[in-house]
């Protein structure tokens, strides 16, 4: 998949089939849109393209009120590539972009910059300054700008709409099964292994410190996990372990969220490796303990509980 950034000029001579959205999480609803896009692109002989934004518009206008992200930009792009997309255009969302009128967006962005011939949007899609543009406006312009436009209805599971908001709500309460059902895969966080304070090593329970891209992950606590990327010769091989995602209140008063993973029966040095951590089951919430001895005792119990869960659930 080729990625176009805001400053990159796409090939205007290449007509495309396009869909637009934030695609946070790339859940089953998004995957249905991407499948429909791919099918239409193949039918019409067009390149399949996704347009997305960085940062999320709500993060730009009200960062304190914006929802936490399900995926970093890198994670989102990785999932889009898996879906068979040819190009992804990442627009830097700023004040200039926010001021573009809906009509100018259609004429300049869709027609001139991208040569859109087929467009797919969600049933709640709005665009342009003050979110004034909608599906009806796209339909009106499509006749003179020579592109087709379709609206994708929401995907339902057990009569419930699949959405990033619903997945965030499930993760917040530790309901990983519902999140996985709506994502179509286990919820995961990926990042590079970085040097930490080496506390786990000192305690005899070594952990991999995973760099996370946002300071408000959508879940916290102690989890059973499976990790890919730790074995260079077989990067897709999953290793089992237990992970802590939180601020480590026993160690720091006002710490930032940290993802630490202890891999079972694994003692290789993996600093700099890029790992994907799949969250399988929540064991408990994060807690503050009176001393390090109590913390170590609980960590050892977490390891026992995680192994027991894996043994019982395959």
C-alpha atoms as a PDB file:
ATOM      1  CA  UNK A   1       0.000   0.000   0.000  1.00  0.00           C
ATOM      2  CA  UNK A   2       1.280   3.441  -0.942  1.00  0.00           C
ATOM      3  CA  UNK A   3       0.823   6.284   1.544  1.00  0.00           C
ATOM      4  CA  UNK A   4       0.307   9.883   0.478  1.00  0.00           C
ATOM      5  CA  UNK A   5       0.892  12.574   3.085  1.00  0.00           C
ATOM      6  CA  UNK A   6      -0.554  16.092   2.916  1.00  0.00           C
ATOM      7  CA  UNK A   7       2.548  17.438   1.164  1.00  0.00           C
ATOM      8  CA  UNK A   8       2.701  14.551  -1.297  1.00  0.00           C
ATOM      9  CA  UNK A   9       1.033  15.114  -4.650  1.00  0.00           C
ATOM     10  CA  UNK A  10      -0.794  12.003  -5.857  1.00  0.00           C
ATOM     11  CA  UNK A  11      -0.813  11.065  -9.513  1.00  0.00           C
ATOM     12  CA  UNK A  12      -3.789  13.066 -10.791  1.00  0.00           C
ATOM     13  CA  UNK A  13      -3.968  10.940 -13.929  1.00  0.00           C
ATOM     14  CA  UNK A  14      -4.857   7.838 -11.914  1.00  0.00           C
ATOM     15  CA  UNK A  15      -8.635   7.743 -11.376  1.00  0.00           C
ATOM     16  CA  UNK A  16      -9.613   6.207  -8.053  1.00  0.00           C
ATOM     17  CA  UNK A  17     -12.404   4.686  -6.039  1.00  0.00           C
ATOM     18  CA  UNK A  18     -12.398   6.433  -2.665  1.00  0.00           C
ATOM     19  CA  UNK A  19     -13.800   6.181   0.819  1.00  0.00           C
ATOM     20  CA  UNK A  20     -13.306   8.796   3.547  1.00  0.00           C
ATOM     21  CA  UNK A  21     -13.205   8.495   7.327  1.00  0.00           C
ATOM     22  CA  UNK A  22     -11.151   8.294  10.492  1.00  0.00           C
ATOM     23  CA  UNK A  23     -11.258   4.476  10.581  1.00  0.00           C
ATOM     24  CA  UNK A  24     -10.234   4.358  14.233  1.00  0.00           C
ATOM     25  CA  UNK A  25      -9.874   0.692  15.113  1.00  0.00           C
ATOM     26  CA  UNK A  26     -10.650  -0.514  11.560  1.00  0.00           C
ATOM     27  CA  UNK A  27     -13.521  -2.558  13.032  1.00  0.00           C
ATOM     28  CA  UNK A  28     -15.989  -4.807  11.207  1.00  0.00           C
ATOM     29  CA  UNK A  29     -18.037  -1.828  10.024  1.00  0.00           C
ATOM     30  CA  UNK A  30     -14.937  -0.260   8.501  1.00  0.00           C
ATOM     31  CA  UNK A  31     -13.889  -3.608   7.052  1.00  0.00           C
ATOM     32  CA  UNK A  32     -17.256  -3.917   5.307  1.00  0.00           C
ATOM     33  CA  UNK A  33     -16.682  -0.484   3.726  1.00  0.00           C
ATOM     34  CA  UNK A  34     -13.177  -1.431   2.634  1.00  0.00           C
ATOM     35  CA  UNK A  35     -14.450  -4.670   1.118  1.00  0.00           C
ATOM     36  CA  UNK A  36     -17.140  -2.756  -0.788  1.00  0.00           C
ATOM     37  CA  UNK A  37     -14.512  -0.242  -1.951  1.00  0.00           C
ATOM     38  CA  UNK A  38     -12.179  -2.985  -3.141  1.00  0.00           C
ATOM     39  CA  UNK A  39     -14.998  -4.710  -5.005  1.00  0.00           C
ATOM     40  CA  UNK A  40     -16.085  -1.516  -6.777  1.00  0.00           C
ATOM     41  CA  UNK A  41     -12.496  -0.589  -7.657  1.00  0.00           C
ATOM     42  CA  UNK A  42     -11.935  -3.996  -9.247  1.00  0.00           C
ATOM     43  CA  UNK A  43     -15.219  -3.813 -11.135  1.00  0.00           C
ATOM     44  CA  UNK A  44     -14.465  -0.350 -12.538  1.00  0.00           C
ATOM     45  CA  UNK A  45     -10.740  -0.819 -13.075  1.00  0.00           C
ATOM     46  CA  UNK A  46      -9.811   1.852 -10.510  1.00  0.00           C
ATOM     47  CA  UNK A  47      -7.268   2.102  -7.704  1.00  0.00           C
ATOM     48  CA  UNK A  48      -8.806   1.679  -4.214  1.00  0.00           C
ATOM     49  CA  UNK A  49      -7.981   4.666  -2.019  1.00  0.00           C
ATOM     50  CA  UNK A  50      -8.754   5.675   1.582  1.00  0.00           C
ATOM     51  CA  UNK A  51      -8.686   9.275   2.816  1.00  0.00           C
ATOM     52  CA  UNK A  52      -8.106   9.767   6.528  1.00  0.00           C
ATOM     53  CA  UNK A  53      -6.949  12.543   8.863  1.00  0.00           C
ATOM     54  CA  UNK A  54      -4.248  13.168  11.451  1.00  0.00           C
ATOM     55  CA  UNK A  55      -5.001  14.237  14.079  1.00  0.00           C
ATOM     56  CA  UNK A  56      -8.651  13.259  14.496  1.00  0.00           C
ATOM     57  CA  UNK A  57     -10.719  16.464  14.024  1.00  0.00           C
ATOM     58  CA  UNK A  58     -12.097  16.173  17.553  1.00  0.00           C
ATOM     59  CA  UNK A  59      -8.540  15.949  18.908  1.00  0.00           C
ATOM     60  CA  UNK A  60      -7.708  19.128  17.024  1.00  0.00           C
ATOM     61  CA  UNK A  61     -10.684  21.203  18.176  1.00  0.00           C
ATOM     62  CA  UNK A  62     -11.108  19.860  21.740  1.00  0.00           C
ATOM     63  CA  UNK A  63      -8.152  17.676  22.763  1.00  0.00           C
ATOM     64  CA  UNK A  64      -9.371  17.390  26.369  1.00  0.00           C
ATOM     65  CA  UNK A  65     -12.776  16.123  25.262  1.00  0.00           C
ATOM     66  CA  UNK A  66     -11.747  13.917  22.347  1.00  0.00           C
ATOM     67  CA  UNK A  67     -12.306  10.173  22.719  1.00  0.00           C
ATOM     68  CA  UNK A  68      -9.283   7.997  23.330  1.00  0.00           C
ATOM     69  CA  UNK A  69      -7.894   6.329  20.226  1.00  0.00           C
ATOM     70  CA  UNK A  70      -8.285   2.633  19.517  1.00  0.00           C
ATOM     71  CA  UNK A  71      -5.331   2.680  17.113  1.00  0.00           C
ATOM     72  CA  UNK A  72      -2.313   4.846  16.470  1.00  0.00           C
ATOM     73  CA  UNK A  73      -1.789   6.112  12.926  1.00  0.00           C
ATOM     74  CA  UNK A  74       0.734   3.335  12.267  1.00  0.00           C
ATOM     75  CA  UNK A  75      -1.638   0.651  13.562  1.00  0.00           C
ATOM     76  CA  UNK A  76      -4.451   2.036  11.441  1.00  0.00           C
ATOM     77  CA  UNK A  77      -2.302   2.063   8.310  1.00  0.00           C
ATOM     78  CA  UNK A  78      -1.215  -1.521   8.983  1.00  0.00           C
ATOM     79  CA  UNK A  79      -4.846  -2.638   9.178  1.00  0.00           C
ATOM     80  CA  UNK A  80      -5.737  -0.729   5.997  1.00  0.00           C
ATOM     81  CA  UNK A  81      -2.888  -2.450   4.184  1.00  0.00           C
ATOM     82  CA  UNK A  82      -4.204  -5.850   5.311  1.00  0.00           C
ATOM     83  CA  UNK A  83      -7.560  -4.909   3.737  1.00  0.00           C
ATOM     84  CA  UNK A  84      -5.997  -4.701   0.271  1.00  0.00           C
ATOM     85  CA  UNK A  85      -6.091  -0.916  -0.174  1.00  0.00           C
ATOM     86  CA  UNK A  86      -3.842   0.510  -2.916  1.00  0.00           C
ATOM     87  CA  UNK A  87      -3.390   4.052  -1.559  1.00  0.00           C
ATOM     88  CA  UNK A  88      -4.080   5.876   1.670  1.00  0.00           C
ATOM     89  CA  UNK A  89      -4.079   9.685   1.739  1.00  0.00           C
ATOM     90  CA  UNK A  90      -3.331  11.106   5.199  1.00  0.00           C
ATOM     91  CA  UNK A  91      -4.349  14.746   5.456  1.00  0.00           C
ATOM     92  CA  UNK A  92      -2.894  16.877   8.236  1.00  0.00           C
ATOM     93  CA  UNK A  93      -6.007  18.276   9.919  1.00  0.00           C
ATOM     94  CA  UNK A  94      -5.452  21.931  10.828  1.00  0.00           C
ATOM     95  CA  UNK A  95      -7.295  25.261  10.710  1.00  0.00           C
ATOM     96  CA  UNK A  96      -6.739  25.703   6.985  1.00  0.00           C
ATOM     97  CA  UNK A  97      -8.168  22.281   6.217  1.00  0.00           C
ATOM     98  CA  UNK A  98     -11.087  22.845   8.606  1.00  0.00           C
ATOM     99  CA  UNK A  99     -12.054  26.033   6.730  1.00  0.00           C
ATOM    100  CA  UNK A 100     -12.507  24.320   3.353  1.00  0.00           C
ATOM    101  CA  UNK A 101     -16.120  24.669   2.233  1.00  0.00           C
ATOM    102  CA  UNK A 102     -18.001  21.501   1.232  1.00  0.00           C
ATOM    103  CA  UNK A 103     -18.185  22.726  -2.379  1.00  0.00           C
ATOM    104  CA  UNK A 104     -14.451  23.461  -2.496  1.00  0.00           C
ATOM    105  CA  UNK A 105     -13.710  20.086  -0.921  1.00  0.00           C
ATOM    106  CA  UNK A 106     -15.559  18.357  -3.752  1.00  0.00           C
ATOM    107  CA  UNK A 107     -14.043  20.461  -6.532  1.00  0.00           C
ATOM    108  CA  UNK A 108     -10.457  20.799  -5.309  1.00  0.00           C
ATOM    109  CA  UNK A 109      -9.852  17.720  -3.161  1.00  0.00           C
ATOM    110  CA  UNK A 110     -12.031  15.070  -4.785  1.00  0.00           C
ATOM    111  CA  UNK A 111     -11.998  16.177  -8.422  1.00  0.00           C
ATOM    112  CA  UNK A 112      -8.701  17.954  -9.039  1.00  0.00           C
ATOM    113  CA  UNK A 113      -6.349  16.328  -6.527  1.00  0.00           C
ATOM    114  CA  UNK A 114      -7.645  12.781  -6.683  1.00  0.00           C
ATOM    115  CA  UNK A 115      -9.691  12.245  -9.860  1.00  0.00           C
ATOM    116  CA  UNK A 116     -12.392  10.434  -7.921  1.00  0.00           C
ATOM    117  CA  UNK A 117     -14.682   8.322 -10.096  1.00  0.00           C
ATOM    118  CA  UNK A 118     -16.476   6.349  -7.379  1.00  0.00           C
ATOM    119  CA  UNK A 119     -17.062   7.440  -3.784  1.00  0.00           C
ATOM    120  CA  UNK A 120     -18.320   5.513  -0.760  1.00  0.00           C
ATOM    121  CA  UNK A 121     -19.315   7.255   2.494  1.00  0.00           C
ATOM    122  CA  UNK A 122     -20.929   6.178   5.745  1.00  0.00           C
ATOM    123  CA  UNK A 123     -24.560   6.846   6.584  1.00  0.00           C
ATOM    124  CA  UNK A 124     -23.542   9.575   9.077  1.00  0.00           C
ATOM    125  CA  UNK A 125     -20.834  11.179   6.920  1.00  0.00           C
ATOM    126  CA  UNK A 126     -20.407  14.981   7.125  1.00  0.00           C
ATOM    127  CA  UNK A 127     -17.627  17.079   5.622  1.00  0.00           C
ATOM    128  CA  UNK A 128     -16.370  20.580   4.989  1.00  0.00           C
ATOM    129  CA  UNK A 129     -16.434  23.712   7.129  1.00  0.00           C
ATOM    130  CA  UNK A 130     -18.857  23.393  10.071  1.00  0.00           C
ATOM    131  CA  UNK A 131     -19.656  19.878   8.821  1.00  0.00           C
ATOM    132  CA  UNK A 132     -22.081  21.456   6.346  1.00  0.00           C
ATOM    133  CA  UNK A 133     -21.568  18.885   3.587  1.00  0.00           C
ATOM    134  CA  UNK A 134     -23.621  15.701   3.461  1.00  0.00           C
ATOM    135  CA  UNK A 135     -24.613  12.835   1.172  1.00  0.00           C
ATOM    136  CA  UNK A 136     -27.277  14.902  -0.634  1.00  0.00           C
ATOM    137  CA  UNK A 137     -24.680  17.518  -1.596  1.00  0.00           C
ATOM    138  CA  UNK A 138     -22.359  14.800  -2.911  1.00  0.00           C
ATOM    139  CA  UNK A 139     -25.213  13.395  -4.977  1.00  0.00           C
ATOM    140  CA  UNK A 140     -25.922  16.794  -6.532  1.00  0.00           C
ATOM    141  CA  UNK A 141     -22.280  17.425  -7.437  1.00  0.00           C
ATOM    142  CA  UNK A 142     -21.691  13.881  -8.700  1.00  0.00           C
ATOM    143  CA  UNK A 143     -23.759  14.604 -11.806  1.00  0.00           C
ATOM    144  CA  UNK A 144     -21.518  17.472 -12.964  1.00  0.00           C
ATOM    145  CA  UNK A 145     -18.210  16.141 -11.571  1.00  0.00           C
ATOM    146  CA  UNK A 146     -18.696  12.736 -13.171  1.00  0.00           C
ATOM    147  CA  UNK A 147     -18.355  10.410 -10.202  1.00  0.00           C
ATOM    148  CA  UNK A 148     -20.654   7.855  -8.631  1.00  0.00           C
ATOM    149  CA  UNK A 149     -21.453   8.076  -4.937  1.00  0.00           C
ATOM    150  CA  UNK A 150     -22.845   5.411  -2.635  1.00  0.00           C
ATOM    151  CA  UNK A 151     -23.876   5.372   1.012  1.00  0.00           C
ATOM    152  CA  UNK A 152     -22.903   2.473   3.288  1.00  0.00           C
ATOM    153  CA  UNK A 153     -25.399   1.490   5.957  1.00  0.00           C
ATOM    154  CA  UNK A 154     -24.265   0.594   9.445  1.00  0.00           C
ATOM    155  CA  UNK A 155     -23.122  -2.946  10.200  1.00  0.00           C
ATOM    156  CA  UNK A 156     -25.127  -4.599  12.987  1.00  0.00           C
ATOM    157  CA  UNK A 157     -24.159  -7.485  15.256  1.00  0.00           C
ATOM    158  CA  UNK A 158     -27.044  -8.866  17.337  1.00  0.00           C
ATOM    159  CA  UNK A 159     -29.018  -5.725  16.376  1.00  0.00           C
ATOM    160  CA  UNK A 160     -26.268  -3.486  17.783  1.00  0.00           C
ATOM    161  CA  UNK A 161     -24.392  -1.002  15.580  1.00  0.00           C
ATOM    162  CA  UNK A 162     -20.686  -1.668  15.240  1.00  0.00           C
ATOM    163  CA  UNK A 163     -18.858   1.539  16.128  1.00  0.00           C
ATOM    164  CA  UNK A 164     -15.581   2.766  17.594  1.00  0.00           C
ATOM    165  CA  UNK A 165     -17.539   4.259  20.505  1.00  0.00           C
ATOM    166  CA  UNK A 166     -19.091   0.889  21.385  1.00  0.00           C
ATOM    167  CA  UNK A 167     -15.671  -0.765  21.294  1.00  0.00           C
ATOM    168  CA  UNK A 168     -14.166   1.940  23.532  1.00  0.00           C
ATOM    169  CA  UNK A 169     -16.977   1.427  26.039  1.00  0.00           C
ATOM    170  CA  UNK A 170     -16.334  -2.323  26.086  1.00  0.00           C
ATOM    171  CA  UNK A 171     -12.591  -1.897  26.567  1.00  0.00           C
ATOM    172  CA  UNK A 172     -13.079   0.617  29.369  1.00  0.00           C
ATOM    173  CA  UNK A 173     -14.917  -1.985  31.471  1.00  0.00           C
ATOM    174  CA  UNK A 174     -12.577  -4.809  30.468  1.00  0.00           C
ATOM    175  CA  UNK A 175     -15.067  -6.560  28.182  1.00  0.00           C
ATOM    176  CA  UNK A 176     -12.492  -7.854  25.711  1.00  0.00           C
ATOM    177  CA  UNK A 177     -14.876 -10.416  24.229  1.00  0.00           C
ATOM    178  CA  UNK A 178     -17.316  -7.747  23.006  1.00  0.00           C
ATOM    179  CA  UNK A 179     -14.451  -5.632  21.683  1.00  0.00           C
ATOM    180  CA  UNK A 180     -13.073  -8.625  19.794  1.00  0.00           C
ATOM    181  CA  UNK A 181     -16.522  -9.463  18.401  1.00  0.00           C
ATOM    182  CA  UNK A 182     -16.888  -5.960  16.932  1.00  0.00           C
ATOM    183  CA  UNK A 183     -13.269  -5.659  15.786  1.00  0.00           C
ATOM    184  CA  UNK A 184     -13.166  -9.088  14.185  1.00  0.00           C
ATOM    185  CA  UNK A 185      -9.851  -9.725  15.983  1.00  0.00           C
ATOM    186  CA  UNK A 186      -8.411  -9.306  19.491  1.00  0.00           C
ATOM    187  CA  UNK A 187      -7.793  -5.727  20.539  1.00  0.00           C
ATOM    188  CA  UNK A 188      -4.073  -5.013  20.236  1.00  0.00           C
ATOM    189  CA  UNK A 189      -1.443  -2.353  20.841  1.00  0.00           C
ATOM    190  CA  UNK A 190       1.827  -2.362  18.933  1.00  0.00           C
ATOM    191  CA  UNK A 191       5.059  -0.533  19.560  1.00  0.00           C
ATOM    192  CA  UNK A 192       8.812  -0.792  19.944  1.00  0.00           C
ATOM    193  CA  UNK A 193      10.509  -2.291  22.981  1.00  0.00           C
ATOM    194  CA  UNK A 194      12.301   0.505  24.816  1.00  0.00           C
ATOM    195  CA  UNK A 195      14.547   0.719  27.842  1.00  0.00           C
ATOM    196  CA  UNK A 196      12.641   1.275  31.064  1.00  0.00           C
ATOM    197  CA  UNK A 197      13.722   1.501  34.687  1.00  0.00           C
ATOM    198  CA  UNK A 198      14.685  -2.225  34.683  1.00  0.00           C
ATOM    199  CA  UNK A 199      12.573  -2.794  37.816  1.00  0.00           C
ATOM    200  CA  UNK A 200      11.146  -6.081  36.541  1.00  0.00           C
ATOM    201  CA  UNK A 201      14.635  -7.388  35.882  1.00  0.00           C
ATOM    202  CA  UNK A 202      15.712  -6.418  39.386  1.00  0.00           C
ATOM    203  CA  UNK A 203      12.713  -8.251  40.824  1.00  0.00           C
ATOM    204  CA  UNK A 204      13.454 -11.377  38.807  1.00  0.00           C
ATOM    205  CA  UNK A 205      10.411 -10.866  36.560  1.00  0.00           C
ATOM    206  CA  UNK A 206      11.795  -9.292  33.355  1.00  0.00           C
ATOM    207  CA  UNK A 207       9.359  -7.304  31.226  1.00  0.00           C
ATOM    208  CA  UNK A 208       9.374  -5.742  27.781  1.00  0.00           C
ATOM    209  CA  UNK A 209       8.536  -2.030  27.896  1.00  0.00           C
ATOM    210  CA  UNK A 210       6.311  -1.289  24.871  1.00  0.00           C
ATOM    211  CA  UNK A 211       6.274   2.284  23.580  1.00  0.00           C
ATOM    212  CA  UNK A 212       2.673   3.451  23.241  1.00  0.00           C
ATOM    213  CA  UNK A 213       1.762   6.366  20.992  1.00  0.00           C
ATOM    214  CA  UNK A 214      -0.954   7.970  23.090  1.00  0.00           C
ATOM    215  CA  UNK A 215      -1.209   8.824  26.766  1.00  0.00           C
ATOM    216  CA  UNK A 216      -4.844   7.737  27.103  1.00  0.00           C
ATOM    217  CA  UNK A 217      -5.122   4.079  26.108  1.00  0.00           C
ATOM    218  CA  UNK A 218      -8.732   2.817  26.015  1.00  0.00           C
ATOM    219  CA  UNK A 219      -8.151   0.138  28.665  1.00  0.00           C
ATOM    220  CA  UNK A 220      -6.073  -0.449  31.782  1.00  0.00           C
ATOM    221  CA  UNK A 221      -5.316  -3.249  34.181  1.00  0.00           C
ATOM    222  CA  UNK A 222      -3.583  -6.621  34.179  1.00  0.00           C
ATOM    223  CA  UNK A 223      -4.159  -8.878  31.168  1.00  0.00           C
ATOM    224  CA  UNK A 224      -3.463 -12.245  29.623  1.00  0.00           C
ATOM    225  CA  UNK A 225      -1.796 -11.474  26.296  1.00  0.00           C
ATOM    226  CA  UNK A 226      -0.300 -13.038  23.195  1.00  0.00           C
ATOM    227  CA  UNK A 227       2.631 -11.254  21.582  1.00  0.00           C
ATOM    228  CA  UNK A 228       3.957 -11.337  18.018  1.00  0.00           C
ATOM    229  CA  UNK A 229       7.226  -9.972  16.701  1.00  0.00           C
ATOM    230  CA  UNK A 230       9.596 -11.176  19.444  1.00  0.00           C
ATOM    231  CA  UNK A 231      11.109 -13.958  17.297  1.00  0.00           C
ATOM    232  CA  UNK A 232      12.933 -12.505  14.283  1.00  0.00           C
ATOM    233  CA  UNK A 233      12.911 -15.746  12.310  1.00  0.00           C
ATOM    234  CA  UNK A 234       9.171 -16.191  12.846  1.00  0.00           C
ATOM    235  CA  UNK A 235       7.613 -12.751  13.543  1.00  0.00           C
ATOM    236  CA  UNK A 236       4.019 -14.005  13.364  1.00  0.00           C
ATOM    237  CA  UNK A 237       4.596 -16.671  16.002  1.00  0.00           C
ATOM    238  CA  UNK A 238       2.594 -15.813  19.112  1.00  0.00           C
ATOM    239  CA  UNK A 239       4.149 -15.940  22.558  1.00  0.00           C
ATOM    240  CA  UNK A 240       2.048 -16.066  25.711  1.00  0.00           C
ATOM    241  CA  UNK A 241       2.427 -13.729  28.623  1.00  0.00           C
ATOM    242  CA  UNK A 242       0.908 -11.361  31.130  1.00  0.00           C
ATOM    243  CA  UNK A 243       0.825  -7.586  30.712  1.00  0.00           C
ATOM    244  CA  UNK A 244       0.307  -4.527  32.859  1.00  0.00           C
ATOM    245  CA  UNK A 245      -1.124  -1.403  31.233  1.00  0.00           C
ATOM    246  CA  UNK A 246      -1.422   1.574  33.536  1.00  0.00           C
ATOM    247  CA  UNK A 247       0.350   4.231  35.551  1.00  0.00           C
ATOM    248  CA  UNK A 248       2.002   1.855  38.097  1.00  0.00           C
ATOM    249  CA  UNK A 249       0.709   3.667  41.211  1.00  0.00           C
ATOM    250  CA  UNK A 250       2.869   1.601  43.604  1.00  0.00           C
ATOM    251  CA  UNK A 251       6.002   2.918  41.859  1.00  0.00           C
ATOM    252  CA  UNK A 252       4.982   6.407  40.659  1.00  0.00           C
ATOM    253  CA  UNK A 253       2.561   8.939  42.101  1.00  0.00           C
ATOM    254  CA  UNK A 254       1.633  10.595  38.809  1.00  0.00           C
ATOM    255  CA  UNK A 255       3.078   8.386  36.108  1.00  0.00           C
ATOM    256  CA  UNK A 256       2.098   8.186  32.447  1.00  0.00           C
ATOM    257  CA  UNK A 257       0.539   4.965  31.132  1.00  0.00           C
ATOM    258  CA  UNK A 258       3.089   2.216  30.506  1.00  0.00           C
ATOM    259  CA  UNK A 259       2.614  -1.142  28.775  1.00  0.00           C
ATOM    260  CA  UNK A 260       4.854  -3.844  30.260  1.00  0.00           C
ATOM    261  CA  UNK A 261       4.762  -7.460  29.109  1.00  0.00           C
ATOM    262  CA  UNK A 262       6.265 -10.509  30.815  1.00  0.00           C
ATOM    263  CA  UNK A 263       6.659 -13.336  28.298  1.00  0.00           C
ATOM    264  CA  UNK A 264       6.550 -16.884  29.632  1.00  0.00           C
ATOM    265  CA  UNK A 265       9.677 -19.032  29.140  1.00  0.00           C
ATOM    266  CA  UNK A 266      11.439 -16.321  27.146  1.00  0.00           C
ATOM    267  CA  UNK A 267      14.808 -14.744  27.951  1.00  0.00           C
ATOM    268  CA  UNK A 268      16.053 -13.117  24.732  1.00  0.00           C
ATOM    269  CA  UNK A 269      17.095  -9.470  24.431  1.00  0.00           C
ATOM    270  CA  UNK A 270      14.525  -7.703  22.228  1.00  0.00           C
ATOM    271  CA  UNK A 271      15.198  -3.986  22.650  1.00  0.00           C
ATOM    272  CA  UNK A 272      14.154  -2.167  19.474  1.00  0.00           C
ATOM    273  CA  UNK A 273      11.841  -4.955  18.302  1.00  0.00           C
ATOM    274  CA  UNK A 274       8.371  -3.933  17.145  1.00  0.00           C
ATOM    275  CA  UNK A 275       5.817  -6.083  18.989  1.00  0.00           C
ATOM    276  CA  UNK A 276       2.078  -6.522  18.643  1.00  0.00           C
ATOM    277  CA  UNK A 277       0.341  -7.254  21.934  1.00  0.00           C
ATOM    278  CA  UNK A 278      -3.066  -8.946  21.647  1.00  0.00           C
ATOM    279  CA  UNK A 279      -5.229  -8.535  24.764  1.00  0.00           C
ATOM    280  CA  UNK A 280      -6.980 -11.849  25.436  1.00  0.00           C
ATOM    281  CA  UNK A 281      -8.465 -11.642  28.932  1.00  0.00           C
ATOM    282  CA  UNK A 282      -8.522  -9.144  31.789  1.00  0.00           C
ATOM    283  CA  UNK A 283      -7.351 -10.553  35.123  1.00  0.00           C
ATOM    284  CA  UNK A 284      -7.903  -7.535  37.373  1.00  0.00           C
ATOM    285  CA  UNK A 285      -7.714  -3.761  37.734  1.00  0.00           C
ATOM    286  CA  UNK A 286      -4.490  -1.939  38.518  1.00  0.00           C
ATOM    287  CA  UNK A 287      -3.938  -1.432  42.249  1.00  0.00           C
ATOM    288  CA  UNK A 288      -1.599   0.429  44.587  1.00  0.00           C
ATOM    289  CA  UNK A 289       0.223  -1.787  47.098  1.00  0.00           C
ATOM    290  CA  UNK A 290       1.751  -0.722  50.429  1.00  0.00           C
ATOM    291  CA  UNK A 291       5.240  -2.001  49.578  1.00  0.00           C
ATOM    292  CA  UNK A 292       7.297  -3.703  46.877  1.00  0.00           C
ATOM    293  CA  UNK A 293       7.051  -7.083  48.602  1.00  0.00           C
ATOM    294  CA  UNK A 294       3.267  -7.018  48.258  1.00  0.00           C
ATOM    295  CA  UNK A 295       3.564  -5.956  44.627  1.00  0.00           C
ATOM    296  CA  UNK A 296       5.941  -8.819  43.781  1.00  0.00           C
ATOM    297  CA  UNK A 297       3.654 -11.306  45.481  1.00  0.00           C
ATOM    298  CA  UNK A 298       0.712 -10.088  43.386  1.00  0.00           C
ATOM    299  CA  UNK A 299       2.735 -10.156  40.139  1.00  0.00           C
ATOM    300  CA  UNK A 300       3.653 -13.779  40.772  1.00  0.00           C
ATOM    301  CA  UNK A 301      -0.017 -14.555  41.406  1.00  0.00           C
ATOM    302  CA  UNK A 302      -0.928 -12.804  38.137  1.00  0.00           C
ATOM    303  CA  UNK A 303       1.499 -15.080  36.298  1.00  0.00           C
ATOM    304  CA  UNK A 304      -0.102 -18.141  37.876  1.00  0.00           C
ATOM    305  CA  UNK A 305      -3.604 -16.888  37.024  1.00  0.00           C
ATOM    306  CA  UNK A 306      -2.647 -16.068  33.436  1.00  0.00           C
ATOM    307  CA  UNK A 307      -1.135 -19.514  32.843  1.00  0.00           C
ATOM    308  CA  UNK A 308      -4.209 -21.130  34.347  1.00  0.00           C
ATOM    309  CA  UNK A 309      -6.492 -19.131  32.043  1.00  0.00           C
ATOM    310  CA  UNK A 310      -4.449 -20.090  28.980  1.00  0.00           C
ATOM    311  CA  UNK A 311      -4.437 -23.733  29.994  1.00  0.00           C
ATOM    312  CA  UNK A 312      -8.215 -23.744  30.419  1.00  0.00           C
ATOM    313  CA  UNK A 313      -8.971 -21.760  27.257  1.00  0.00           C
ATOM    314  CA  UNK A 314      -6.407 -23.068  24.803  1.00  0.00           C
END
